[in-house]
Amino acid sequence: MAKVTISNYSTFESRAKAVEASNRVRKERVSVFDTIKNGSIGAENILFNLDKYPCMQRVRVKRFLKAFKGISDAKADKIMAELKIAENRRLQGLGTRQKTNLVLAIERYQW
């Protein structure tokens, strides 16, 4: 029996636009992560100005933490456990206190 899939896109053009938009967001996200690694931009600037960085709103906190020098997978897990941030939490879903504590933790562990 053949598996039937129903597409959310009504036309090929609408799907092509969606793919183009997602590729654009990925490129923007990569450029922001590069500026983080270079040290050109800090965590506070991104976390408290997510409206300026819409490509970062859907990034998971752990991936954001690992973008900073000196923060490995284990340290990211430790920070998230200390701050009681769930594994599946995204930057957009953080509260003001969580953002402030996250900035302080990044400054503490970053080299």
N, C-alpha and C. Protein backbone atom coordinates (compact mmCIF):
# COMPACT_ATOMS: atom_id res chain seq x y z
N MET A 1 0.84 -1.17 0.00
CA MET A 1 0.00 0.00 0.00
C MET A 1 0.89 1.24 0.00
N ALA A 2 0.61 2.17 -0.85
CA ALA A 2 1.40 3.39 -0.98
C ALA A 2 1.02 4.38 0.11
N LYS A 3 2.03 5.06 0.61
CA LYS A 3 1.80 6.06 1.65
C LYS A 3 1.44 7.39 0.99
N VAL A 4 0.36 7.98 1.42
CA VAL A 4 -0.11 9.24 0.86
C VAL A 4 0.26 10.36 1.83
N THR A 5 0.93 11.39 1.30
CA THR A 5 1.26 12.54 2.13
C THR A 5 0.55 13.76 1.59
N ILE A 6 0.09 14.57 2.51
CA ILE A 6 -0.61 15.80 2.12
C ILE A 6 0.31 16.96 2.44
N SER A 7 0.60 17.75 1.45
CA SER A 7 1.49 18.89 1.63
C SER A 7 0.74 20.08 2.20
N ASN A 8 1.43 20.86 3.03
CA ASN A 8 0.85 22.08 3.56
C ASN A 8 0.90 23.22 2.55
N TYR A 9 1.60 23.02 1.48
CA TYR A 9 1.77 24.07 0.48
C TYR A 9 0.88 23.78 -0.72
N SER A 10 0.11 24.77 -1.11
CA SER A 10 -0.86 24.55 -2.19
C SER A 10 -0.19 24.53 -3.56
N THR A 11 0.89 25.27 -3.70
CA THR A 11 1.55 25.30 -5.00
C THR A 11 3.05 25.14 -4.84
N PHE A 12 3.66 24.83 -5.93
CA PHE A 12 5.12 24.71 -5.94
C PHE A 12 5.76 26.05 -5.61
N GLU A 13 5.17 27.15 -6.06
CA GLU A 13 5.73 28.48 -5.82
C GLU A 13 5.71 28.82 -4.33
N SER A 14 4.62 28.47 -3.66
CA SER A 14 4.55 28.79 -2.22
C SER A 14 5.57 27.97 -1.44
N ARG A 15 5.80 26.73 -1.86
CA ARG A 15 6.82 25.91 -1.20
C ARG A 15 8.19 26.49 -1.47
N ALA A 16 8.45 26.94 -2.68
CA ALA A 16 9.74 27.51 -3.03
C ALA A 16 10.00 28.78 -2.21
N LYS A 17 8.97 29.59 -1.99
CA LYS A 17 9.12 30.80 -1.17
C LYS A 17 9.45 30.44 0.27
N ALA A 18 8.80 29.40 0.79
CA ALA A 18 9.05 28.97 2.16
C ALA A 18 10.48 28.45 2.32
N VAL A 19 10.96 27.70 1.35
CA VAL A 19 12.33 27.18 1.39
C VAL A 19 13.32 28.33 1.31
N GLU A 20 13.06 29.30 0.47
CA GLU A 20 13.93 30.47 0.34
C GLU A 20 13.98 31.26 1.65
N ALA A 21 12.83 31.44 2.28
CA ALA A 21 12.78 32.17 3.54
C ALA A 21 13.54 31.43 4.63
N SER A 22 13.40 30.12 4.70
CA SER A 22 14.11 29.35 5.73
C SER A 22 15.62 29.38 5.49
N ASN A 23 16.04 29.35 4.25
CA ASN A 23 17.47 29.45 3.95
C ASN A 23 18.02 30.81 4.33
N ARG A 24 17.24 31.86 4.12
CA ARG A 24 17.66 33.21 4.49
C ARG A 24 17.85 33.32 6.01
N VAL A 25 16.90 32.76 6.76
CA VAL A 25 16.98 32.80 8.22
C VAL A 25 18.20 32.02 8.71
N ARG A 26 18.47 30.88 8.09
CA ARG A 26 19.65 30.08 8.48
C ARG A 26 20.93 30.86 8.26
N LYS A 27 21.03 31.56 7.13
CA LYS A 27 22.23 32.36 6.84
C LYS A 27 22.38 33.50 7.84
N GLU A 28 21.28 34.15 8.20
CA GLU A 28 21.33 35.22 9.20
C GLU A 28 21.79 34.66 10.55
N ARG A 29 21.28 33.50 10.90
CA ARG A 29 21.63 32.87 12.17
C ARG A 29 23.12 32.53 12.21
N VAL A 30 23.64 32.01 11.11
CA VAL A 30 25.06 31.68 11.03
C VAL A 30 25.91 32.93 11.20
N SER A 31 25.50 34.03 10.59
CA SER A 31 26.27 35.27 10.72
C SER A 31 26.24 35.79 12.16
N VAL A 32 25.11 35.65 12.85
CA VAL A 32 25.04 36.07 14.26
C VAL A 32 25.92 35.18 15.11
N PHE A 33 25.89 33.87 14.87
CA PHE A 33 26.76 32.97 15.63
C PHE A 33 28.24 33.27 15.38
N ASP A 34 28.58 33.66 14.16
CA ASP A 34 29.97 34.04 13.86
C ASP A 34 30.38 35.28 14.64
N THR A 35 29.49 36.26 14.74
CA THR A 35 29.83 37.47 15.50
C THR A 35 29.93 37.17 17.00
N ILE A 36 29.17 36.19 17.48
CA ILE A 36 29.29 35.77 18.87
C ILE A 36 30.66 35.14 19.10
N LYS A 37 31.07 34.26 18.20
CA LYS A 37 32.36 33.59 18.36
C LYS A 37 33.52 34.57 18.26
N ASN A 38 33.37 35.60 17.45
CA ASN A 38 34.41 36.62 17.32
C ASN A 38 34.48 37.53 18.53
N GLY A 39 33.43 37.54 19.32
CA GLY A 39 33.38 38.41 20.48
C GLY A 39 32.89 39.81 20.14
N SER A 40 32.37 40.00 18.94
CA SER A 40 31.89 41.31 18.50
C SER A 40 30.58 41.69 19.16
N ILE A 41 29.84 40.70 19.59
CA ILE A 41 28.53 40.95 20.18
C ILE A 41 28.38 40.08 21.42
N GLY A 42 27.75 40.62 22.44
CA GLY A 42 27.61 39.90 23.69
C GLY A 42 26.25 39.26 23.86
N ALA A 43 26.17 38.42 24.87
CA ALA A 43 24.92 37.72 25.15
C ALA A 43 23.81 38.69 25.54
N GLU A 44 24.17 39.70 26.32
CA GLU A 44 23.17 40.67 26.78
C GLU A 44 22.53 41.40 25.61
N ASN A 45 23.35 41.77 24.64
CA ASN A 45 22.86 42.49 23.47
C ASN A 45 21.83 41.65 22.71
N ILE A 46 22.08 40.37 22.58
CA ILE A 46 21.17 39.51 21.83
C ILE A 46 19.92 39.18 22.65
N LEU A 47 20.12 38.76 23.90
CA LEU A 47 18.99 38.31 24.71
C LEU A 47 17.97 39.40 24.98
N PHE A 48 18.43 40.63 25.19
CA PHE A 48 17.51 41.70 25.53
C PHE A 48 17.06 42.50 24.30
N ASN A 49 17.53 42.10 23.13
CA ASN A 49 17.12 42.75 21.87
C ASN A 49 16.74 41.71 20.83
N LEU A 50 15.96 40.73 21.22
CA LEU A 50 15.57 39.67 20.29
C LEU A 50 14.74 40.19 19.12
N ASP A 51 14.10 41.34 19.30
CA ASP A 51 13.34 41.91 18.19
C ASP A 51 14.27 42.38 17.08
N LYS A 52 15.52 42.72 17.41
CA LYS A 52 16.51 43.09 16.39
C LYS A 52 17.11 41.86 15.72
N TYR A 53 17.02 40.72 16.40
CA TYR A 53 17.57 39.46 15.89
C TYR A 53 16.47 38.41 15.81
N PRO A 54 15.53 38.57 14.90
CA PRO A 54 14.42 37.62 14.83
C PRO A 54 14.87 36.20 14.48
N CYS A 55 16.01 36.08 13.84
CA CYS A 55 16.51 34.75 13.49
C CYS A 55 16.96 33.98 14.72
N MET A 56 17.19 34.67 15.85
CA MET A 56 17.67 34.01 17.07
C MET A 56 16.54 33.64 18.02
N GLN A 57 15.33 34.08 17.76
CA GLN A 57 14.23 33.82 18.67
C GLN A 57 13.93 32.34 18.84
N ARG A 58 14.08 31.56 17.80
CA ARG A 58 13.73 30.13 17.84
C ARG A 58 14.93 29.23 18.15
N VAL A 59 16.06 29.82 18.52
CA VAL A 59 17.26 29.04 18.84
C VAL A 59 17.11 28.48 20.26
N ARG A 60 17.49 27.25 20.44
CA ARG A 60 17.46 26.65 21.77
C ARG A 60 18.58 27.23 22.63
N VAL A 61 18.32 27.34 23.92
CA VAL A 61 19.26 27.97 24.85
C VAL A 61 20.60 27.24 24.84
N LYS A 62 20.59 25.93 24.79
CA LYS A 62 21.84 25.17 24.81
C LYS A 62 22.70 25.49 23.60
N ARG A 63 22.10 25.59 22.44
CA ARG A 63 22.87 25.92 21.24
C ARG A 63 23.44 27.33 21.34
N PHE A 64 22.68 28.25 21.92
CA PHE A 64 23.14 29.61 22.12
C PHE A 64 24.35 29.63 23.07
N LEU A 65 24.27 28.88 24.15
CA LEU A 65 25.37 28.83 25.11
C LEU A 65 26.64 28.28 24.48
N LYS A 66 26.50 27.24 23.68
CA LYS A 66 27.67 26.60 23.08
C LYS A 66 28.36 27.49 22.03
N ALA A 67 27.72 28.57 21.64
CA ALA A 67 28.32 29.48 20.67
C ALA A 67 29.44 30.31 21.29
N PHE A 68 29.47 30.41 22.61
CA PHE A 68 30.47 31.22 23.29
C PHE A 68 31.73 30.40 23.57
N LYS A 69 32.88 31.06 23.44
CA LYS A 69 34.15 30.40 23.70
C LYS A 69 34.23 29.99 25.16
N GLY A 70 34.68 28.78 25.39
CA GLY A 70 34.85 28.29 26.74
C GLY A 70 33.63 27.58 27.30
N ILE A 71 32.53 27.57 26.56
CA ILE A 71 31.33 26.87 27.04
C ILE A 71 31.11 25.65 26.15
N SER A 72 31.36 24.49 26.77
CA SER A 72 31.21 23.23 26.05
C SER A 72 29.82 22.65 26.32
N ASP A 73 29.61 21.47 25.81
CA ASP A 73 28.34 20.78 26.00
C ASP A 73 28.05 20.56 27.49
N ALA A 74 29.07 20.10 28.21
CA ALA A 74 28.91 19.83 29.64
C ALA A 74 28.65 21.11 30.43
N LYS A 75 29.37 22.18 30.11
CA LYS A 75 29.16 23.44 30.81
C LYS A 75 27.78 24.02 30.50
N ALA A 76 27.35 23.86 29.27
CA ALA A 76 26.01 24.35 28.90
C ALA A 76 24.95 23.60 29.70
N ASP A 77 25.11 22.28 29.84
CA ASP A 77 24.17 21.50 30.65
C ASP A 77 24.20 21.95 32.10
N LYS A 78 25.40 22.22 32.62
CA LYS A 78 25.55 22.65 34.01
C LYS A 78 24.86 24.00 34.25
N ILE A 79 25.08 24.93 33.33
CA ILE A 79 24.46 26.26 33.44
C ILE A 79 22.95 26.14 33.40
N MET A 80 22.44 25.35 32.47
CA MET A 80 20.99 25.21 32.34
C MET A 80 20.39 24.54 33.58
N ALA A 81 21.13 23.59 34.17
CA ALA A 81 20.63 22.94 35.38
C ALA A 81 20.64 23.92 36.55
N GLU A 82 21.70 24.72 36.67
CA GLU A 82 21.80 25.71 37.75
C GLU A 82 20.66 26.73 37.67
N LEU A 83 20.36 27.16 36.46
CA LEU A 83 19.33 28.18 36.26
C LEU A 83 17.93 27.61 36.10
N LYS A 84 17.84 26.29 36.17
CA LYS A 84 16.56 25.58 36.03
C LYS A 84 15.84 25.93 34.73
N ILE A 85 16.62 25.86 33.64
CA ILE A 85 16.08 26.09 32.30
C ILE A 85 15.93 24.73 31.63
N ALA A 86 14.77 24.46 31.09
CA ALA A 86 14.49 23.17 30.47
C ALA A 86 15.31 22.99 29.19
N GLU A 87 15.59 21.74 28.86
CA GLU A 87 16.38 21.41 27.68
C GLU A 87 15.76 21.94 26.39
N ASN A 88 14.44 21.95 26.33
CA ASN A 88 13.76 22.33 25.08
C ASN A 88 13.41 23.82 25.03
N ARG A 89 13.88 24.60 25.99
CA ARG A 89 13.56 26.05 26.04
C ARG A 89 14.28 26.79 24.92
N ARG A 90 13.57 27.72 24.31
CA ARG A 90 14.15 28.57 23.27
C ARG A 90 14.37 29.97 23.82
N LEU A 91 15.21 30.75 23.16
CA LEU A 91 15.54 32.09 23.65
C LEU A 91 14.30 32.96 23.80
N GLN A 92 13.39 32.84 22.88
CA GLN A 92 12.18 33.65 22.89
C GLN A 92 11.34 33.39 24.14
N GLY A 93 11.41 32.20 24.71
CA GLY A 93 10.59 31.84 25.84
C GLY A 93 11.19 32.13 27.20
N LEU A 94 12.36 32.77 27.24
CA LEU A 94 13.00 33.07 28.52
C LEU A 94 12.40 34.32 29.14
N GLY A 95 12.33 34.32 30.46
CA GLY A 95 11.87 35.50 31.19
C GLY A 95 13.03 36.45 31.44
N THR A 96 12.73 37.61 31.98
CA THR A 96 13.74 38.63 32.23
C THR A 96 14.79 38.14 33.22
N ARG A 97 14.36 37.51 34.31
CA ARG A 97 15.31 37.00 35.29
C ARG A 97 16.19 35.92 34.70
N GLN A 98 15.60 35.03 33.92
CA GLN A 98 16.39 33.96 33.29
C GLN A 98 17.42 34.55 32.34
N LYS A 99 17.04 35.57 31.59
CA LYS A 99 17.99 36.22 30.68
C LYS A 99 19.14 36.86 31.45
N THR A 100 18.82 37.57 32.53
CA THR A 100 19.84 38.22 33.33
C THR A 100 20.79 37.19 33.93
N ASN A 101 20.25 36.12 34.49
CA ASN A 101 21.08 35.07 35.08
C ASN A 101 21.91 34.35 34.03
N LEU A 102 21.36 34.21 32.84
CA LEU A 102 22.08 33.56 31.74
C LEU A 102 23.28 34.42 31.32
N VAL A 103 23.09 35.72 31.24
CA VAL A 103 24.19 36.63 30.89
C VAL A 103 25.30 36.52 31.94
N LEU A 104 24.93 36.52 33.20
CA LEU A 104 25.93 36.42 34.28
C LEU A 104 26.67 35.08 34.22
N ALA A 105 25.97 34.01 33.93
CA ALA A 105 26.59 32.69 33.84
C ALA A 105 27.55 32.62 32.65
N ILE A 106 27.17 33.22 31.54
CA ILE A 106 28.05 33.22 30.36
C ILE A 106 29.32 34.00 30.67
N GLU A 107 29.19 35.13 31.34
CA GLU A 107 30.37 35.93 31.70
C GLU A 107 31.28 35.15 32.66
N ARG A 108 30.68 34.35 33.52
CA ARG A 108 31.45 33.58 34.50
C ARG A 108 32.24 32.45 33.83
N TYR A 109 31.63 31.75 32.86
CA TYR A 109 32.26 30.58 32.26
C TYR A 109 33.04 30.87 30.98
N GLN A 110 32.77 31.98 30.36
CA GLN A 110 33.41 32.30 29.09
C GLN A 110 34.85 32.71 29.32
N TRP A 111 35.74 32.38 28.37
CA TRP A 111 37.12 32.85 28.47
C TRP A 111 37.55 33.62 27.29
